[in-house]
Amino acid sequence: MADNADDVDGADVFIIYRYRGGRAPQHVTHVVIDKSVEVIEDNAFKDCHHLVQVETHDGIRRVSDKAFFRCKSLRRINLRSVCEVSESAFCRCENLKFVEFGETVEIGLMAFGGCSSLQRLNLTSIIITGRGSFRCCEALTDIEFSERLETIREGAFYGCERLRRIAIPLKRGLFVIHDLSFRYNQFDNCGRLRTVDLVGGAHTKTATSLHMHCWRAEVIEEINRINQVLPNTPADYKTEEIQQWMESVIDKIDHYRAEHCRFVKEAVTLLELALWKAKLGEKEENCAEGRTKKAKLGAESARREKRITCGADMVIKNVLPFLRLE
């Protein structure tokens, strides 16, 4: 079904096509997605070369395979309610410049591959980027992820020649490859990529909370190292460099977190001993009572009793949380 509509100044007349499912006519230029539509179907607007405007709504949940494949005139799309953008959904939409995502989105295989006009992407709602999902987006310069990101699959940003900066969370297993015989290539052939920022801040909070100054300095130095070496890393090895660096940072944080915990445990033991020793100066009858109880209780029970009577439990309960790391 189509609705007639005039443009603002009345000089031109165009047809608004109301999409209710199925395959749209290839000549459409302006589309309104009907409120009844939750899924834009496979190939719905494939090769609609003259499509310039799509009005979506907040009830759309999925854009299916090749739904807007090769819509060469489409410049922007609002996907705020969409949870899944499927395989090649916007592939080769070469004039697409603006995409607005919602809260939690999975991006499928080659979903935006070859969208050569995309310049900046706010992908803070993305949890998964599929294989080649933004492959060869040649104008893309900056990518912002969030801590929600779980997976970046093979070749997701391969060949984004102008990409200069990415902001990603510090996580093990963030980069995924289908075949372990291949190497990581998520950001390969991104020759201008030189800056990696970490999002979330948990790593920085952990580093600044470490017990020893030299530990803090070493972790922070390792976090900053990537932006010193990445500019000189060959284009075909950008991802490998980032992957190895992330593993190194996580390993150092884990190591010094364990050392920090060991120091904290030792400090707690010393604190207990100090409090027990201070308790020895109390009245003789209290000491005799304590020895009688100790004779009746096992070693653990005696220690627990001493901690209670000398106040160690109260001190540790209030002090220890400030010494532990998240």
C-alpha atoms as a PDB file:
ATOM      1  CA  MET A   1       0.000   0.000   0.000  1.00  0.00           C
ATOM      2  CA  ALA A   2       1.272   3.468  -0.787  1.00  0.00           C
ATOM      3  CA  ASP A   3       0.262   6.913   0.483  1.00  0.00           C
ATOM      4  CA  ASN A   4       0.615  10.077  -1.561  1.00  0.00           C
ATOM      5  CA  ALA A   5       2.536  12.926   0.028  1.00  0.00           C
ATOM      6  CA  ASP A   6       3.951  16.271  -1.044  1.00  0.00           C
ATOM      7  CA  ASP A   7       7.336  17.586   0.062  1.00  0.00           C
ATOM      8  CA  VAL A   8       7.643  20.677   2.240  1.00  0.00           C
ATOM      9  CA  ASP A   9       7.723  23.322  -0.503  1.00  0.00           C
ATOM     10  CA  GLY A  10       5.306  21.518  -2.787  1.00  0.00           C
ATOM     11  CA  ALA A  11       7.709  21.637  -5.733  1.00  0.00           C
ATOM     12  CA  ASP A  12       8.024  17.872  -6.039  1.00  0.00           C
ATOM     13  CA  VAL A  13       5.666  15.042  -5.407  1.00  0.00           C
ATOM     14  CA  PHE A  14       6.814  11.674  -4.159  1.00  0.00           C
ATOM     15  CA  ILE A  15       5.165   8.482  -3.028  1.00  0.00           C
ATOM     16  CA  ILE A  16       5.480   7.234   0.563  1.00  0.00           C
ATOM     17  CA  TYR A  17       5.425   3.473   0.661  1.00  0.00           C
ATOM     18  CA  ARG A  18       4.035   1.924   3.849  1.00  0.00           C
ATOM     19  CA  TYR A  19       5.852  -1.322   4.488  1.00  0.00           C
ATOM     20  CA  ARG A  20       3.793  -4.100   6.106  1.00  0.00           C
ATOM     21  CA  GLY A  21       6.010  -7.053   5.219  1.00  0.00           C
ATOM     22  CA  GLY A  22       7.290  -9.020   2.252  1.00  0.00           C
ATOM     23  CA  ARG A  23       9.245  -7.573  -0.651  1.00  0.00           C
ATOM     24  CA  ALA A  24       8.930  -3.865  -1.426  1.00  0.00           C
ATOM     25  CA  PRO A  25       8.803  -2.517  -5.006  1.00  0.00           C
ATOM     26  CA  GLN A  26      12.267  -1.595  -6.230  1.00  0.00           C
ATOM     27  CA  HIS A  27      11.247   1.921  -7.294  1.00  0.00           C
ATOM     28  CA  VAL A  28      10.377   3.164  -3.753  1.00  0.00           C
ATOM     29  CA  THR A  29      12.118   6.286  -2.502  1.00  0.00           C
ATOM     30  CA  HIS A  30      10.427   7.045   0.845  1.00  0.00           C
ATOM     31  CA  VAL A  31       9.292   4.342   3.255  1.00  0.00           C
ATOM     32  CA  VAL A  32       7.350   4.234   6.499  1.00  0.00           C
ATOM     33  CA  ILE A  33       7.598   0.968   8.418  1.00  0.00           C
ATOM     34  CA  ASP A  34       4.112   0.119   9.652  1.00  0.00           C
ATOM     35  CA  LYS A  35       3.583  -0.193  13.413  1.00  0.00           C
ATOM     36  CA  SER A  36       2.551  -3.812  12.919  1.00  0.00           C
ATOM     37  CA  VAL A  37       6.032  -4.767  11.706  1.00  0.00           C
ATOM     38  CA  GLU A  38       8.488  -6.203  14.251  1.00  0.00           C
ATOM     39  CA  VAL A  39      10.797  -7.875  11.724  1.00  0.00           C
ATOM     40  CA  ILE A  40      11.917  -6.351   8.434  1.00  0.00           C
ATOM     41  CA  GLU A  41      12.065  -9.472   6.306  1.00  0.00           C
ATOM     42  CA  ASP A  42      14.850 -10.983   4.187  1.00  0.00           C
ATOM     43  CA  ASN A  43      15.532  -8.991   0.997  1.00  0.00           C
ATOM     44  CA  ALA A  44      12.711  -6.556   1.830  1.00  0.00           C
ATOM     45  CA  PHE A  45      14.390  -3.570   0.156  1.00  0.00           C
ATOM     46  CA  LYS A  46      17.262  -5.321  -1.608  1.00  0.00           C
ATOM     47  CA  ASP A  47      18.558  -3.333  -4.575  1.00  0.00           C
ATOM     48  CA  CYS A  48      16.143  -0.453  -4.021  1.00  0.00           C
ATOM     49  CA  HIS A  49      18.722   1.916  -5.455  1.00  0.00           C
ATOM     50  CA  HIS A  50      16.523   5.018  -5.169  1.00  0.00           C
ATOM     51  CA  LEU A  51      15.501   4.549  -1.535  1.00  0.00           C
ATOM     52  CA  VAL A  52      16.556   7.687   0.361  1.00  0.00           C
ATOM     53  CA  GLN A  53      14.438   7.717   3.525  1.00  0.00           C
ATOM     54  CA  VAL A  54      13.123   5.082   5.940  1.00  0.00           C
ATOM     55  CA  GLU A  55      10.958   6.005   8.919  1.00  0.00           C
ATOM     56  CA  THR A  56      11.178   3.299  11.569  1.00  0.00           C
ATOM     57  CA  HIS A  57       9.363   2.925  14.913  1.00  0.00           C
ATOM     58  CA  ASP A  58      10.134   1.619  18.399  1.00  0.00           C
ATOM     59  CA  GLY A  59       8.594  -1.808  17.852  1.00  0.00           C
ATOM     60  CA  ILE A  60      11.099  -3.129  15.313  1.00  0.00           C
ATOM     61  CA  ARG A  61      13.233  -5.920  16.790  1.00  0.00           C
ATOM     62  CA  ARG A  62      15.182  -7.371  13.870  1.00  0.00           C
ATOM     63  CA  VAL A  63      16.434  -6.372  10.448  1.00  0.00           C
ATOM     64  CA  SER A  64      16.788  -9.632   8.511  1.00  0.00           C
ATOM     65  CA  ASP A  65      19.278 -10.894   5.917  1.00  0.00           C
ATOM     66  CA  LYS A  66      19.943  -8.461   3.076  1.00  0.00           C
ATOM     67  CA  ALA A  67      16.929  -6.366   4.057  1.00  0.00           C
ATOM     68  CA  PHE A  68      18.566  -3.166   2.737  1.00  0.00           C
ATOM     69  CA  PHE A  69      21.318  -4.758   0.662  1.00  0.00           C
ATOM     70  CA  ARG A  70      22.765  -2.340  -1.891  1.00  0.00           C
ATOM     71  CA  CYS A  71      20.372   0.526  -1.144  1.00  0.00           C
ATOM     72  CA  LYS A  72      22.837   2.964  -2.644  1.00  0.00           C
ATOM     73  CA  SER A  73      20.911   6.186  -1.914  1.00  0.00           C
ATOM     74  CA  LEU A  74      20.061   5.520   1.736  1.00  0.00           C
ATOM     75  CA  ARG A  75      21.887   8.002   3.982  1.00  0.00           C
ATOM     76  CA  ARG A  76      20.602   7.388   7.503  1.00  0.00           C
ATOM     77  CA  ILE A  77      18.659   4.846   9.521  1.00  0.00           C
ATOM     78  CA  ASN A  78      17.268   4.772  13.073  1.00  0.00           C
ATOM     79  CA  LEU A  79      17.668   1.340  14.679  1.00  0.00           C
ATOM     80  CA  ARG A  80      17.082   2.327  18.301  1.00  0.00           C
ATOM     81  CA  SER A  81      14.680  -0.532  19.045  1.00  0.00           C
ATOM     82  CA  VAL A  82      16.490  -3.180  16.980  1.00  0.00           C
ATOM     83  CA  CYS A  83      18.156  -6.062  18.861  1.00  0.00           C
ATOM     84  CA  GLU A  84      19.606  -7.880  15.845  1.00  0.00           C
ATOM     85  CA  VAL A  85      20.945  -6.708  12.508  1.00  0.00           C
ATOM     86  CA  SER A  86      21.338  -9.853  10.424  1.00  0.00           C
ATOM     87  CA  GLU A  87      23.659 -10.966   7.643  1.00  0.00           C
ATOM     88  CA  SER A  88      24.387  -8.327   4.972  1.00  0.00           C
ATOM     89  CA  ALA A  89      21.378  -6.295   6.128  1.00  0.00           C
ATOM     90  CA  PHE A  90      22.958  -2.980   5.029  1.00  0.00           C
ATOM     91  CA  CYS A  91      25.867  -4.354   3.031  1.00  0.00           C
ATOM     92  CA  ARG A  92      27.087  -2.030   0.270  1.00  0.00           C
ATOM     93  CA  CYS A  93      24.855   0.877   1.258  1.00  0.00           C
ATOM     94  CA  GLU A  94      27.639   3.092   0.026  1.00  0.00           C
ATOM     95  CA  ASN A  95      26.051   6.440   0.955  1.00  0.00           C
ATOM     96  CA  LEU A  96      24.934   5.434   4.451  1.00  0.00           C
ATOM     97  CA  LYS A  97      26.471   7.943   6.881  1.00  0.00           C
ATOM     98  CA  PHE A  98      24.396   7.838  10.066  1.00  0.00           C
ATOM     99  CA  VAL A  99      23.189   4.811  12.020  1.00  0.00           C
ATOM    100  CA  GLU A 100      21.533   5.117  15.414  1.00  0.00           C
ATOM    101  CA  PHE A 101      21.568   1.990  17.589  1.00  0.00           C
ATOM    102  CA  GLY A 102      19.556   1.124  20.683  1.00  0.00           C
ATOM    103  CA  GLU A 103      20.483  -0.464  24.012  1.00  0.00           C
ATOM    104  CA  THR A 104      21.571  -4.026  23.177  1.00  0.00           C
ATOM    105  CA  VAL A 105      22.402  -5.086  19.633  1.00  0.00           C
ATOM    106  CA  GLU A 106      24.000  -8.022  17.838  1.00  0.00           C
ATOM    107  CA  ILE A 107      25.536  -7.241  14.459  1.00  0.00           C
ATOM    108  CA  GLY A 108      25.648 -10.139  11.997  1.00  0.00           C
ATOM    109  CA  LEU A 109      27.956 -11.278   9.211  1.00  0.00           C
ATOM    110  CA  MET A 110      28.826  -8.440   6.799  1.00  0.00           C
ATOM    111  CA  ALA A 111      25.852  -6.464   8.147  1.00  0.00           C
ATOM    112  CA  PHE A 112      27.447  -3.107   7.247  1.00  0.00           C
ATOM    113  CA  GLY A 113      30.228  -4.372   5.023  1.00  0.00           C
ATOM    114  CA  GLY A 114      31.203  -1.964   2.279  1.00  0.00           C
ATOM    115  CA  CYS A 115      29.315   1.000   3.787  1.00  0.00           C
ATOM    116  CA  SER A 116      32.026   3.297   2.525  1.00  0.00           C
ATOM    117  CA  SER A 117      30.499   6.561   3.829  1.00  0.00           C
ATOM    118  CA  LEU A 118      30.268   5.637   7.528  1.00  0.00           C
ATOM    119  CA  GLN A 119      32.701   7.923   9.379  1.00  0.00           C
ATOM    120  CA  ARG A 120      32.071   7.608  13.113  1.00  0.00           C
ATOM    121  CA  LEU A 121      30.294   4.837  15.015  1.00  0.00           C
ATOM    122  CA  ASN A 122      28.969   4.942  18.546  1.00  0.00           C
ATOM    123  CA  LEU A 123      28.718   1.227  19.238  1.00  0.00           C
ATOM    124  CA  THR A 124      28.264   1.442  23.003  1.00  0.00           C
ATOM    125  CA  SER A 125      25.154  -0.755  22.784  1.00  0.00           C
ATOM    126  CA  ILE A 126      26.787  -3.484  20.681  1.00  0.00           C
ATOM    127  CA  ILE A 127      27.377  -6.856  22.383  1.00  0.00           C
ATOM    128  CA  ILE A 128      28.513  -8.882  19.343  1.00  0.00           C
ATOM    129  CA  THR A 129      30.006  -7.849  16.017  1.00  0.00           C
ATOM    130  CA  GLY A 130      29.871 -10.673  13.488  1.00  0.00           C
ATOM    131  CA  ARG A 131      32.408 -11.680  10.881  1.00  0.00           C
ATOM    132  CA  GLY A 132      33.155  -8.815   8.525  1.00  0.00           C
ATOM    133  CA  SER A 133      30.334  -6.785  10.057  1.00  0.00           C
ATOM    134  CA  PHE A 134      31.989  -3.449   9.192  1.00  0.00           C
ATOM    135  CA  ARG A 135      34.516  -4.741   6.686  1.00  0.00           C
ATOM    136  CA  CYS A 136      35.907  -2.158   4.259  1.00  0.00           C
ATOM    137  CA  CYS A 137      34.069   0.815   5.751  1.00  0.00           C
ATOM    138  CA  GLU A 138      36.711   3.015   4.177  1.00  0.00           C
ATOM    139  CA  ALA A 139      35.655   6.355   5.710  1.00  0.00           C
ATOM    140  CA  LEU A 140      35.383   5.071   9.283  1.00  0.00           C
ATOM    141  CA  THR A 141      37.770   6.939  11.595  1.00  0.00           C
ATOM    142  CA  ASP A 142      36.608   6.359  15.160  1.00  0.00           C
ATOM    143  CA  ILE A 143      34.845   3.525  17.014  1.00  0.00           C
ATOM    144  CA  GLU A 144      33.471   3.653  20.549  1.00  0.00           C
ATOM    145  CA  PHE A 145      32.448   0.445  22.322  1.00  0.00           C
ATOM    146  CA  SER A 146      31.391  -0.067  25.947  1.00  0.00           C
ATOM    147  CA  GLU A 147      31.821  -2.715  28.639  1.00  0.00           C
ATOM    148  CA  ARG A 148      28.772  -4.478  27.165  1.00  0.00           C
ATOM    149  CA  LEU A 149      30.852  -5.706  24.248  1.00  0.00           C
ATOM    150  CA  GLU A 150      31.387  -9.459  24.459  1.00  0.00           C
ATOM    151  CA  THR A 151      32.733 -10.548  21.072  1.00  0.00           C
ATOM    152  CA  ILE A 152      34.434  -9.143  17.984  1.00  0.00           C
ATOM    153  CA  ARG A 153      34.531 -11.827  15.314  1.00  0.00           C
ATOM    154  CA  GLU A 154      36.936 -12.356  12.413  1.00  0.00           C
ATOM    155  CA  GLY A 155      37.525  -9.473  10.050  1.00  0.00           C
ATOM    156  CA  ALA A 156      34.893  -7.301  11.745  1.00  0.00           C
ATOM    157  CA  PHE A 157      36.725  -4.080  10.808  1.00  0.00           C
ATOM    158  CA  TYR A 158      39.144  -5.488   8.258  1.00  0.00           C
ATOM    159  CA  GLY A 159      40.199  -2.966   5.649  1.00  0.00           C
ATOM    160  CA  CYS A 160      38.877   0.155   7.396  1.00  0.00           C
ATOM    161  CA  GLU A 161      41.752   2.129   5.945  1.00  0.00           C
ATOM    162  CA  ARG A 162      41.097   5.446   7.700  1.00  0.00           C
ATOM    163  CA  LEU A 163      40.378   4.042  11.145  1.00  0.00           C
ATOM    164  CA  ARG A 164      42.563   5.865  13.683  1.00  0.00           C
ATOM    165  CA  ARG A 165      41.088   5.120  17.118  1.00  0.00           C
ATOM    166  CA  ILE A 166      39.112   2.427  18.909  1.00  0.00           C
ATOM    167  CA  ALA A 167      37.782   2.345  22.481  1.00  0.00           C
ATOM    168  CA  ILE A 168      37.240  -1.193  23.767  1.00  0.00           C
ATOM    169  CA  PRO A 169      36.810  -2.989  27.113  1.00  0.00           C
ATOM    170  CA  LEU A 170      39.619  -5.013  28.674  1.00  0.00           C
ATOM    171  CA  LYS A 171      38.363  -8.617  28.477  1.00  0.00           C
ATOM    172  CA  ARG A 172      39.760 -12.047  27.822  1.00  0.00           C
ATOM    173  CA  GLY A 173      38.311 -13.719  24.747  1.00  0.00           C
ATOM    174  CA  LEU A 174      37.103 -10.462  23.231  1.00  0.00           C
ATOM    175  CA  PHE A 175      38.553 -11.390  19.842  1.00  0.00           C
ATOM    176  CA  VAL A 176      37.154 -14.630  18.402  1.00  0.00           C
ATOM    177  CA  ILE A 177      38.280 -16.647  15.388  1.00  0.00           C
ATOM    178  CA  HIS A 178      36.254 -19.450  13.814  1.00  0.00           C
ATOM    179  CA  ASP A 179      39.271 -21.523  12.818  1.00  0.00           C
ATOM    180  CA  LEU A 180      42.142 -21.666  15.309  1.00  0.00           C
ATOM    181  CA  SER A 181      44.593 -22.245  12.445  1.00  0.00           C
ATOM    182  CA  PHE A 182      44.092 -18.611  11.416  1.00  0.00           C
ATOM    183  CA  ARG A 183      45.378 -15.573  13.262  1.00  0.00           C
ATOM    184  CA  TYR A 184      43.351 -12.696  14.641  1.00  0.00           C
ATOM    185  CA  ASN A 185      42.472 -10.167  11.939  1.00  0.00           C
ATOM    186  CA  GLN A 186      39.637  -8.056  13.350  1.00  0.00           C
ATOM    187  CA  PHE A 187      41.504  -4.787  12.744  1.00  0.00           C
ATOM    188  CA  ASP A 188      43.980  -5.860  10.071  1.00  0.00           C
ATOM    189  CA  ASN A 189      44.586  -3.675   7.028  1.00  0.00           C
ATOM    190  CA  CYS A 190      43.678  -0.678   9.181  1.00  0.00           C
ATOM    191  CA  GLY A 191      46.991   0.984   8.449  1.00  0.00           C
ATOM    192  CA  ARG A 192      46.224   4.263  10.228  1.00  0.00           C
ATOM    193  CA  LEU A 193      45.059   2.691  13.488  1.00  0.00           C
ATOM    194  CA  ARG A 194      47.303   4.128  16.188  1.00  0.00           C
ATOM    195  CA  THR A 195      45.205   4.655  19.339  1.00  0.00           C
ATOM    196  CA  VAL A 196      43.478   2.148  21.608  1.00  0.00           C
ATOM    197  CA  ASP A 197      41.596   3.454  24.639  1.00  0.00           C
ATOM    198  CA  LEU A 198      40.190   1.181  27.320  1.00  0.00           C
ATOM    199  CA  VAL A 199      36.617   1.782  28.433  1.00  0.00           C
ATOM    200  CA  GLY A 200      35.054   0.955  31.776  1.00  0.00           C
ATOM    201  CA  GLY A 201      37.760   2.160  34.162  1.00  0.00           C
ATOM    202  CA  ALA A 202      37.931  -1.014  36.309  1.00  0.00           C
ATOM    203  CA  HIS A 203      41.524  -1.640  35.199  1.00  0.00           C
ATOM    204  CA  THR A 204      42.585   1.865  36.235  1.00  0.00           C
ATOM    205  CA  LYS A 205      40.839   1.573  39.593  1.00  0.00           C
ATOM    206  CA  THR A 206      42.563  -1.760  40.229  1.00  0.00           C
ATOM    207  CA  ALA A 207      45.962  -0.402  39.196  1.00  0.00           C
ATOM    208  CA  THR A 208      45.749   2.657  41.438  1.00  0.00           C
ATOM    209  CA  SER A 209      44.640   0.484  44.377  1.00  0.00           C
ATOM    210  CA  LEU A 210      47.611  -1.886  44.239  1.00  0.00           C
ATOM    211  CA  HIS A 211      49.704  -2.164  47.407  1.00  0.00           C
ATOM    212  CA  MET A 212      53.131  -1.280  45.954  1.00  0.00           C
ATOM    213  CA  HIS A 213      54.001   1.817  43.948  1.00  0.00           C
ATOM    214  CA  CYS A 214      56.199  -0.230  41.604  1.00  0.00           C
ATOM    215  CA  TRP A 215      53.251  -2.535  40.867  1.00  0.00           C
ATOM    216  CA  ARG A 216      51.017   0.404  40.015  1.00  0.00           C
ATOM    217  CA  ALA A 217      53.679   1.931  37.800  1.00  0.00           C
ATOM    218  CA  GLU A 218      54.287  -1.314  35.924  1.00  0.00           C
ATOM    219  CA  VAL A 219      50.590  -1.947  35.231  1.00  0.00           C
ATOM    220  CA  ILE A 220      49.959   1.624  34.092  1.00  0.00           C
ATOM    221  CA  GLU A 221      53.075   1.495  31.893  1.00  0.00           C
ATOM    222  CA  GLU A 222      51.785  -1.703  30.284  1.00  0.00           C
ATOM    223  CA  ILE A 223      48.345  -0.153  29.699  1.00  0.00           C
ATOM    224  CA  ASN A 224      49.966   2.813  27.930  1.00  0.00           C
ATOM    225  CA  ARG A 225      52.372   0.693  25.886  1.00  0.00           C
ATOM    226  CA  ILE A 226      49.940  -0.126  23.076  1.00  0.00           C
ATOM    227  CA  ASN A 227      49.740   3.480  21.869  1.00  0.00           C
ATOM    228  CA  GLN A 228      53.509   3.619  21.629  1.00  0.00           C
ATOM    229  CA  VAL A 229      53.956   0.493  19.514  1.00  0.00           C
ATOM    230  CA  LEU A 230      50.738   0.405  17.460  1.00  0.00           C
ATOM    231  CA  PRO A 231      51.610   3.294  15.099  1.00  0.00           C
ATOM    232  CA  ASN A 232      54.670   1.328  13.915  1.00  0.00           C
ATOM    233  CA  THR A 233      52.934  -2.043  13.711  1.00  0.00           C
ATOM    234  CA  PRO A 234      52.395  -3.337  10.142  1.00  0.00           C
ATOM    235  CA  ALA A 235      48.800  -3.133   8.925  1.00  0.00           C
ATOM    236  CA  ASP A 236      48.500  -6.918   8.706  1.00  0.00           C
ATOM    237  CA  TYR A 237      49.434  -7.380  12.383  1.00  0.00           C
ATOM    238  CA  LYS A 238      47.412  -4.684  14.164  1.00  0.00           C
ATOM    239  CA  THR A 239      44.999  -7.166  15.713  1.00  0.00           C
ATOM    240  CA  GLU A 240      47.735  -9.547  16.851  1.00  0.00           C
ATOM    241  CA  GLU A 241      49.491  -6.658  18.593  1.00  0.00           C
ATOM    242  CA  ILE A 242      46.279  -5.543  20.338  1.00  0.00           C
ATOM    243  CA  GLN A 243      45.378  -9.111  21.322  1.00  0.00           C
ATOM    244  CA  GLN A 244      48.794  -9.841  22.844  1.00  0.00           C
ATOM    245  CA  TRP A 245      48.811  -6.498  24.643  1.00  0.00           C
ATOM    246  CA  MET A 246      45.381  -7.104  26.180  1.00  0.00           C
ATOM    247  CA  GLU A 247      46.446 -10.531  27.441  1.00  0.00           C
ATOM    248  CA  SER A 248      49.624  -9.011  28.909  1.00  0.00           C
ATOM    249  CA  VAL A 249      47.711  -6.273  30.750  1.00  0.00           C
ATOM    250  CA  ILE A 250      45.189  -8.760  32.154  1.00  0.00           C
ATOM    251  CA  ASP A 251      47.979 -11.145  33.236  1.00  0.00           C
ATOM    252  CA  LYS A 252      49.827  -8.361  35.072  1.00  0.00           C
ATOM    253  CA  ILE A 253      46.673  -7.166  36.809  1.00  0.00           C
ATOM    254  CA  ASP A 254      45.782 -10.717  37.849  1.00  0.00           C
ATOM    255  CA  HIS A 255      49.320 -11.354  39.127  1.00  0.00           C
ATOM    256  CA  TYR A 256      49.529  -8.212  41.216  1.00  0.00           C
ATOM    257  CA  ARG A 257      45.965  -8.634  42.442  1.00  0.00           C
ATOM    258  CA  ALA A 258      47.011 -12.036  43.816  1.00  0.00           C
ATOM    259  CA  GLU A 259      50.116 -10.495  45.398  1.00  0.00           C
ATOM    260  CA  HIS A 260      47.993  -7.736  46.873  1.00  0.00           C
ATOM    261  CA  CYS A 261      45.642 -10.320  48.416  1.00  0.00           C
ATOM    262  CA  ARG A 262      48.615 -12.157  49.888  1.00  0.00           C
ATOM    263  CA  PHE A 263      49.864  -8.963  51.527  1.00  0.00           C
ATOM    264  CA  VAL A 264      46.395  -8.222  52.851  1.00  0.00           C
ATOM    265  CA  LYS A 265      46.138 -11.697  54.416  1.00  0.00           C
ATOM    266  CA  GLU A 266      49.526 -11.254  56.063  1.00  0.00           C
ATOM    267  CA  ALA A 267      48.456  -7.855  57.360  1.00  0.00           C
ATOM    268  CA  VAL A 268      45.260  -9.322  58.771  1.00  0.00           C
ATOM    269  CA  THR A 269      47.245 -12.012  60.607  1.00  0.00           C
ATOM    270  CA  LEU A 270      49.578  -9.397  62.096  1.00  0.00           C
ATOM    271  CA  LEU A 271      46.595  -7.299  63.078  1.00  0.00           C
ATOM    272  CA  GLU A 272      45.046 -10.240  64.882  1.00  0.00           C
ATOM    273  CA  LEU A 273      48.298 -11.013  66.706  1.00  0.00           C
ATOM    274  CA  ALA A 274      48.716  -7.396  67.729  1.00  0.00           C
ATOM    275  CA  LEU A 275      45.201  -7.226  69.096  1.00  0.00           C
ATOM    276  CA  TRP A 276      45.635 -10.535  70.918  1.00  0.00           C
ATOM    277  CA  LYS A 277      48.882  -9.316  72.476  1.00  0.00           C
ATOM    278  CA  ALA A 278      47.235  -6.123  73.651  1.00  0.00           C
ATOM    279  CA  LYS A 279      44.581  -8.209  75.297  1.00  0.00           C
ATOM    280  CA  LEU A 280      47.181  -9.952  77.529  1.00  0.00           C
ATOM    281  CA  GLY A 281      47.353  -6.923  79.797  1.00  0.00           C
ATOM    282  CA  GLU A 282      43.792  -7.321  80.956  1.00  0.00           C
ATOM    283  CA  LYS A 283      42.776  -8.655  84.335  1.00  0.00           C
ATOM    284  CA  GLU A 284      43.949 -12.136  85.331  1.00  0.00           C
ATOM    285  CA  GLU A 285      40.470 -13.523  85.639  1.00  0.00           C
ATOM    286  CA  ASN A 286      39.725 -12.660  82.013  1.00  0.00           C
ATOM    287  CA  CYS A 287      42.895 -14.462  80.915  1.00  0.00           C
ATOM    288  CA  ALA A 288      42.047 -17.501  83.020  1.00  0.00           C
ATOM    289  CA  GLU A 289      38.590 -17.567  81.548  1.00  0.00           C
ATOM    290  CA  GLY A 290      40.053 -17.351  78.064  1.00  0.00           C
ATOM    291  CA  ARG A 291      42.443 -20.272  78.743  1.00  0.00           C
ATOM    292  CA  THR A 292      39.584 -22.400  80.105  1.00  0.00           C
ATOM    293  CA  LYS A 293      37.566 -21.774  76.962  1.00  0.00           C
ATOM    294  CA  LYS A 294      40.549 -22.569  74.776  1.00  0.00           C
ATOM    295  CA  ALA A 295      40.992 -25.938  76.452  1.00  0.00           C
ATOM    296  CA  LYS A 296      37.424 -26.822  75.620  1.00  0.00           C
ATOM    297  CA  LEU A 297      37.383 -25.620  72.052  1.00  0.00           C
ATOM    298  CA  GLY A 298      39.239 -26.762  68.968  1.00  0.00           C
ATOM    299  CA  ALA A 299      41.968 -24.681  67.370  1.00  0.00           C
ATOM    300  CA  GLU A 300      39.617 -22.900  64.951  1.00  0.00           C
ATOM    301  CA  SER A 301      37.019 -22.225  67.602  1.00  0.00           C
ATOM    302  CA  ALA A 302      39.698 -20.818  69.907  1.00  0.00           C
ATOM    303  CA  ARG A 303      40.957 -18.488  67.228  1.00  0.00           C
ATOM    304  CA  ARG A 304      37.438 -17.339  66.414  1.00  0.00           C
ATOM    305  CA  GLU A 305      36.774 -16.740  70.097  1.00  0.00           C
ATOM    306  CA  LYS A 306      39.959 -14.720  70.492  1.00  0.00           C
ATOM    307  CA  ARG A 307      39.103 -12.592  67.489  1.00  0.00           C
ATOM    308  CA  ILE A 308      35.764 -11.779  69.050  1.00  0.00           C
ATOM    309  CA  THR A 309      37.062 -11.078  72.555  1.00  0.00           C
ATOM    310  CA  CYS A 310      39.985  -8.923  71.417  1.00  0.00           C
ATOM    311  CA  GLY A 311      37.976  -6.939  68.882  1.00  0.00           C
ATOM    312  CA  ALA A 312      39.768  -8.246  65.760  1.00  0.00           C
ATOM    313  CA  ASP A 313      36.509  -9.206  64.101  1.00  0.00           C
ATOM    314  CA  MET A 314      35.174  -5.683  64.344  1.00  0.00           C
ATOM    315  CA  VAL A 315      38.386  -4.056  63.099  1.00  0.00           C
ATOM    316  CA  ILE A 316      38.852  -6.503  60.211  1.00  0.00           C
ATOM    317  CA  LYS A 317      35.203  -6.208  59.183  1.00  0.00           C
ATOM    318  CA  ASN A 318      35.532  -2.450  58.829  1.00  0.00           C
ATOM    319  CA  VAL A 319      39.105  -2.189  57.522  1.00  0.00           C
ATOM    320  CA  LEU A 320      39.506  -5.161  55.189  1.00  0.00           C
ATOM    321  CA  PRO A 321      37.005  -3.991  52.517  1.00  0.00           C
ATOM    322  CA  PHE A 322      39.181  -0.918  51.947  1.00  0.00           C
ATOM    323  CA  LEU A 323      42.248  -3.080  51.350  1.00  0.00           C
ATOM    324  CA  ARG A 324      40.695  -5.549  48.936  1.00  0.00           C
ATOM    325  CA  LEU A 325      40.636  -5.057  45.186  1.00  0.00           C
ATOM    326  CA  GLU A 326      37.573  -5.348  42.971  1.00  0.00           C
END
